[in-house]
Amino acid sequence: MRPARALLALALLALIAGLVALGVWQLQRRTWKLALIDQVEHRLAAAPVPAPSPEVWPRVGTGDAYLRVTLHGSYLPDRDTLVQAVTDFGSGYWVLTPLRSDRGFIVLVNRGFVPTEMREIEERDAPPKAPVTVAGLLRVSEPHGGFLRANQPNANRWYSRDVAAIASAKKLGPVAPYFIDADAVSSEEWPRGGLTVVRFANNHLVYALTWFAMAAMLGGVLVWLVRRRPRG
């Protein structure tokens, strides 16, 4: 085999190995994603547990997302934060309100969604003044803003539910490193809770088959190149 052809064959072989590795990696990702989906489904079906208290906050992370929790306490007045959102009701805002639990710590509660035209407090329900019991899903903080849009605390413009940044802007002091998506309380009142979308894209098998198919095609080219007789 001529040197140029040998170099081309080696390059094809390296590319094929890379594509196969990508396919195997996607299969591993698929196994991880299926385990994650199964774990979340079990959490959603489980009975709620008390929201994590300060002593376990350092261990709260993405592995606790969508855990069903309950929390009893009182909302802090005039501390709502509106975070831009899009739901089945159209464009609007999530309404995040800090709640001081009867155990003394503060948790941001996403009370639900309001349409854009109900931005003002007079057009939507203020948080109850009496103590409440909140049930919902534990969600991890969303730092750094939304897609291509950074939060602007100084202008009170929020595109993601960044717990630490909201707590700092509202001068809440130490707060839980998570927030709670409250369950729906009423289908007639705003904010409208219970709109959490639990969906995980799982296209890893398609990606894996694509990488393997490309590797097979290049494998055919490599075989043809090796078996092809030089002219003359």
Protein backbone atom coordinates (compact mmCIF):
# COMPACT_ATOMS: atom_id res chain seq x y z
CA MET A 1 0.00 0.00 0.00
CA ARG A 2 1.32 3.40 -0.97
CA PRO A 3 2.22 5.80 1.90
CA ALA A 4 -0.55 8.27 1.03
CA ARG A 5 -3.15 5.51 1.01
CA ALA A 6 -1.77 4.09 4.28
CA LEU A 7 -2.08 7.49 5.96
CA LEU A 8 -5.64 7.85 4.71
CA ALA A 9 -6.48 4.37 6.00
CA LEU A 10 -5.07 5.23 9.42
CA ALA A 11 -7.06 8.45 9.51
CA LEU A 12 -10.25 6.56 8.64
CA LEU A 13 -9.48 3.97 11.30
CA ALA A 14 -9.05 6.68 13.93
CA LEU A 15 -12.28 8.36 12.87
CA ILE A 16 -14.16 5.07 13.02
CA ALA A 17 -12.82 4.42 16.52
CA GLY A 18 -13.95 7.90 17.59
CA LEU A 19 -17.46 7.36 16.19
CA VAL A 20 -17.77 3.98 17.91
CA ALA A 21 -16.66 5.58 21.19
CA LEU A 22 -19.33 8.25 20.79
CA GLY A 23 -21.94 5.56 20.18
CA VAL A 24 -20.92 3.64 23.29
CA TRP A 25 -20.98 6.88 25.32
CA GLN A 26 -24.53 7.59 24.15
CA LEU A 27 -25.59 4.10 25.23
CA GLN A 28 -24.10 4.77 28.65
CA ARG A 29 -25.95 8.09 28.79
CA ARG A 30 -29.17 6.28 27.88
CA THR A 31 -28.72 3.87 30.78
CA TRP A 32 -28.13 6.82 33.13
CA LYS A 33 -31.15 8.72 31.77
CA LEU A 34 -33.50 5.73 32.15
CA ALA A 35 -32.35 5.30 35.76
CA LEU A 36 -32.95 9.01 36.39
CA ILE A 37 -36.45 8.88 34.90
CA ASP A 38 -37.30 5.84 37.02
CA GLN A 39 -35.96 7.57 40.13
CA VAL A 40 -37.99 10.72 39.51
CA GLU A 41 -41.15 8.74 38.81
CA HIS A 42 -40.78 6.99 42.16
CA ARG A 43 -40.31 10.37 43.89
CA LEU A 44 -43.42 11.79 42.27
CA ALA A 45 -45.46 8.80 43.40
CA ALA A 46 -44.09 8.77 46.97
CA ALA A 47 -45.68 10.37 50.01
CA PRO A 48 -44.37 13.88 50.81
CA VAL A 49 -41.66 14.36 53.42
CA PRO A 50 -40.73 17.47 55.46
CA ALA A 51 -38.69 19.99 53.46
CA PRO A 52 -34.94 19.70 54.19
CA SER A 53 -33.83 21.77 57.17
CA PRO A 54 -30.56 23.77 57.47
CA GLU A 55 -28.47 20.90 58.86
CA VAL A 56 -28.84 18.97 55.59
CA TRP A 57 -28.73 21.92 53.17
CA PRO A 58 -25.08 21.28 52.21
CA ARG A 59 -26.11 17.86 50.89
CA VAL A 60 -29.11 19.05 48.87
CA GLY A 61 -28.46 18.93 45.13
CA THR A 62 -29.76 17.78 41.77
CA GLY A 63 -30.19 14.28 43.17
CA ASP A 64 -33.05 15.62 45.31
CA ALA A 65 -34.94 17.36 42.50
CA TYR A 66 -38.69 16.61 42.28
CA LEU A 67 -38.83 15.19 45.78
CA ARG A 68 -42.33 15.67 47.20
CA VAL A 69 -42.12 17.85 50.31
CA THR A 70 -44.32 19.76 52.75
CA LEU A 71 -43.58 22.90 54.74
CA HIS A 72 -45.60 24.75 57.38
CA GLY A 73 -45.09 28.43 58.13
CA SER A 74 -46.03 31.98 57.19
CA TYR A 75 -45.34 33.96 54.02
CA LEU A 76 -43.30 37.15 54.35
CA PRO A 77 -45.39 40.10 53.10
CA ASP A 78 -44.37 42.34 50.19
CA ARG A 79 -41.46 40.12 49.15
CA ASP A 80 -42.79 38.57 45.92
CA THR A 81 -40.39 38.05 43.02
CA LEU A 82 -41.76 37.66 39.49
CA VAL A 83 -39.75 35.41 37.17
CA GLN A 84 -40.61 35.37 33.48
CA ALA A 85 -42.18 32.13 32.32
CA VAL A 86 -44.14 30.50 29.51
CA THR A 87 -46.77 27.86 30.28
CA ASP A 88 -49.90 26.42 28.69
CA PHE A 89 -51.61 29.63 29.81
CA GLY A 90 -49.21 31.72 27.68
CA SER A 91 -46.54 34.20 28.71
CA GLY A 92 -46.36 35.51 32.24
CA TYR A 93 -44.51 35.05 35.49
CA TRP A 94 -43.77 32.61 38.27
CA VAL A 95 -44.56 34.21 41.63
CA LEU A 96 -41.88 33.37 44.19
CA THR A 97 -42.66 34.27 47.80
CA PRO A 98 -40.42 33.61 50.81
CA LEU A 99 -41.98 31.52 53.56
CA ARG A 100 -40.61 31.39 57.09
CA SER A 101 -41.19 27.89 58.36
CA ASP A 102 -42.30 27.10 61.89
CA ARG A 103 -38.79 25.65 62.30
CA GLY A 104 -37.32 29.11 61.75
CA PHE A 105 -35.71 28.89 58.31
CA ILE A 106 -36.78 30.59 55.07
CA VAL A 107 -37.65 28.84 51.81
CA LEU A 108 -38.67 30.44 48.52
CA VAL A 109 -42.01 29.05 47.37
CA ASN A 110 -43.08 29.23 43.74
CA ARG A 111 -46.77 29.85 44.40
CA GLY A 112 -47.55 29.44 40.72
CA PHE A 113 -48.05 31.22 37.41
CA VAL A 114 -49.81 34.48 36.57
CA PRO A 115 -50.40 35.87 33.05
CA THR A 116 -48.55 39.02 32.01
CA GLU A 117 -51.60 41.23 32.44
CA MET A 118 -51.86 40.18 36.12
CA ARG A 119 -48.38 41.36 37.05
CA GLU A 120 -49.60 43.91 39.58
CA ILE A 121 -50.48 42.71 43.06
CA GLU A 122 -53.95 44.27 42.84
CA GLU A 123 -54.77 41.97 39.93
CA ARG A 124 -53.67 38.75 41.57
CA ASP A 125 -53.95 37.08 44.94
CA ALA A 126 -51.54 38.20 47.64
CA PRO A 127 -50.06 35.45 49.81
CA PRO A 128 -52.21 34.44 52.78
CA LYS A 129 -51.43 36.20 56.05
CA ALA A 130 -52.37 33.20 58.16
CA PRO A 131 -49.97 30.26 58.57
CA VAL A 132 -50.16 27.75 55.72
CA THR A 133 -49.00 24.27 54.87
CA VAL A 134 -47.35 24.13 51.46
CA ALA A 135 -47.05 20.87 49.54
CA GLY A 136 -45.11 20.61 46.32
CA LEU A 137 -41.93 19.57 44.56
CA LEU A 138 -38.41 20.42 45.66
CA ARG A 139 -36.52 22.19 42.87
CA VAL A 140 -32.85 23.12 42.76
CA SER A 141 -31.78 26.71 42.21
CA GLU A 142 -31.41 28.01 38.64
CA PRO A 143 -28.35 30.30 38.68
CA HIS A 144 -27.00 32.42 35.80
CA GLY A 145 -30.34 33.42 34.32
CA GLY A 146 -32.37 31.95 31.49
CA PHE A 147 -31.42 30.97 27.97
CA LEU A 148 -29.28 33.82 26.57
CA ARG A 149 -30.79 36.20 29.18
CA ALA A 150 -29.01 37.04 32.41
CA ASN A 151 -30.94 38.02 35.50
CA GLN A 152 -30.88 41.75 36.27
CA PRO A 153 -31.42 42.07 40.05
CA ASN A 154 -30.90 45.84 40.06
CA ALA A 155 -33.71 46.25 37.53
CA ASN A 156 -35.84 43.54 39.19
CA ARG A 157 -35.87 41.50 35.99
CA TRP A 158 -35.65 37.77 36.50
CA TYR A 159 -35.41 35.05 33.88
CA SER A 160 -34.57 32.12 36.16
CA ARG A 161 -35.29 31.13 39.73
CA ASP A 162 -31.86 31.87 41.16
CA VAL A 163 -32.43 31.37 44.88
CA ALA A 164 -29.23 33.01 46.13
CA ALA A 165 -29.58 36.07 43.86
CA ILE A 166 -33.24 36.59 44.76
CA ALA A 167 -32.50 36.24 48.48
CA SER A 168 -29.74 38.83 48.18
CA ALA A 169 -31.88 41.27 46.18
CA LYS A 170 -34.77 40.97 48.65
CA LYS A 171 -32.44 41.07 51.68
CA LEU A 172 -33.84 37.83 53.05
CA GLY A 173 -30.67 36.62 54.71
CA PRO A 174 -29.85 32.88 54.69
CA VAL A 175 -32.39 30.85 52.71
CA ALA A 176 -32.68 27.23 51.65
CA PRO A 177 -30.58 26.35 48.57
CA TYR A 178 -33.74 25.11 46.86
CA PHE A 179 -37.25 26.33 46.18
CA ILE A 180 -40.61 24.59 46.23
CA ASP A 181 -43.00 24.39 43.29
CA ALA A 182 -46.32 24.51 45.13
CA ASP A 183 -49.13 22.16 44.14
CA ALA A 184 -52.33 23.60 42.71
CA VAL A 185 -54.68 24.90 45.40
CA SER A 186 -57.52 26.11 43.19
CA SER A 187 -58.31 26.12 39.48
CA GLU A 188 -59.95 29.54 39.85
CA GLU A 189 -57.28 31.52 41.71
CA TRP A 190 -54.02 33.11 40.68
CA PRO A 191 -51.15 32.35 41.00
CA ARG A 192 -51.90 28.93 39.48
CA GLY A 193 -49.77 26.18 41.02
CA GLY A 194 -49.14 22.62 39.99
CA LEU A 195 -47.72 23.48 36.56
CA THR A 196 -44.32 21.84 36.96
CA VAL A 197 -43.34 20.08 33.75
CA VAL A 198 -41.39 16.90 34.45
CA ARG A 199 -39.95 15.82 31.14
CA PHE A 200 -36.55 14.41 30.24
CA ALA A 201 -35.37 14.22 26.63
CA ASN A 202 -34.14 10.69 25.91
CA ASN A 203 -32.78 10.60 22.36
CA HIS A 204 -29.57 8.81 23.27
CA LEU A 205 -30.44 5.60 21.41
CA VAL A 206 -31.05 7.56 18.19
CA TYR A 207 -27.74 9.36 18.61
CA ALA A 208 -25.92 6.08 19.30
CA LEU A 209 -27.36 4.42 16.20
CA THR A 210 -26.37 7.48 14.16
CA TRP A 211 -22.75 7.29 15.33
CA PHE A 212 -22.62 3.51 14.74
CA ALA A 213 -24.11 3.92 11.24
CA MET A 214 -21.53 6.56 10.35
CA ALA A 215 -18.78 4.27 11.67
CA ALA A 216 -20.12 1.41 9.54
CA MET A 217 -20.16 3.59 6.41
CA LEU A 218 -16.58 4.69 6.97
CA GLY A 219 -15.69 1.07 7.67
CA GLY A 220 -16.97 0.19 4.20
CA VAL A 221 -14.84 2.98 2.71
CA LEU A 222 -11.81 1.67 4.60
CA VAL A 223 -12.33 -1.88 3.33
CA TRP A 224 -12.69 -0.61 -0.23
CA LEU A 225 -9.52 1.47 0.14
CA VAL A 226 -7.48 -1.44 1.50
CA ARG A 227 -8.67 -3.95 -1.12
CA ARG A 228 -8.48 -1.57 -4.08
CA ARG A 229 -5.61 -2.36 -6.37
CA PRO A 230 -3.41 0.55 -7.46
CA ARG A 231 -3.53 1.54 -11.10
CA GLY A 232 -0.81 0.08 -13.31
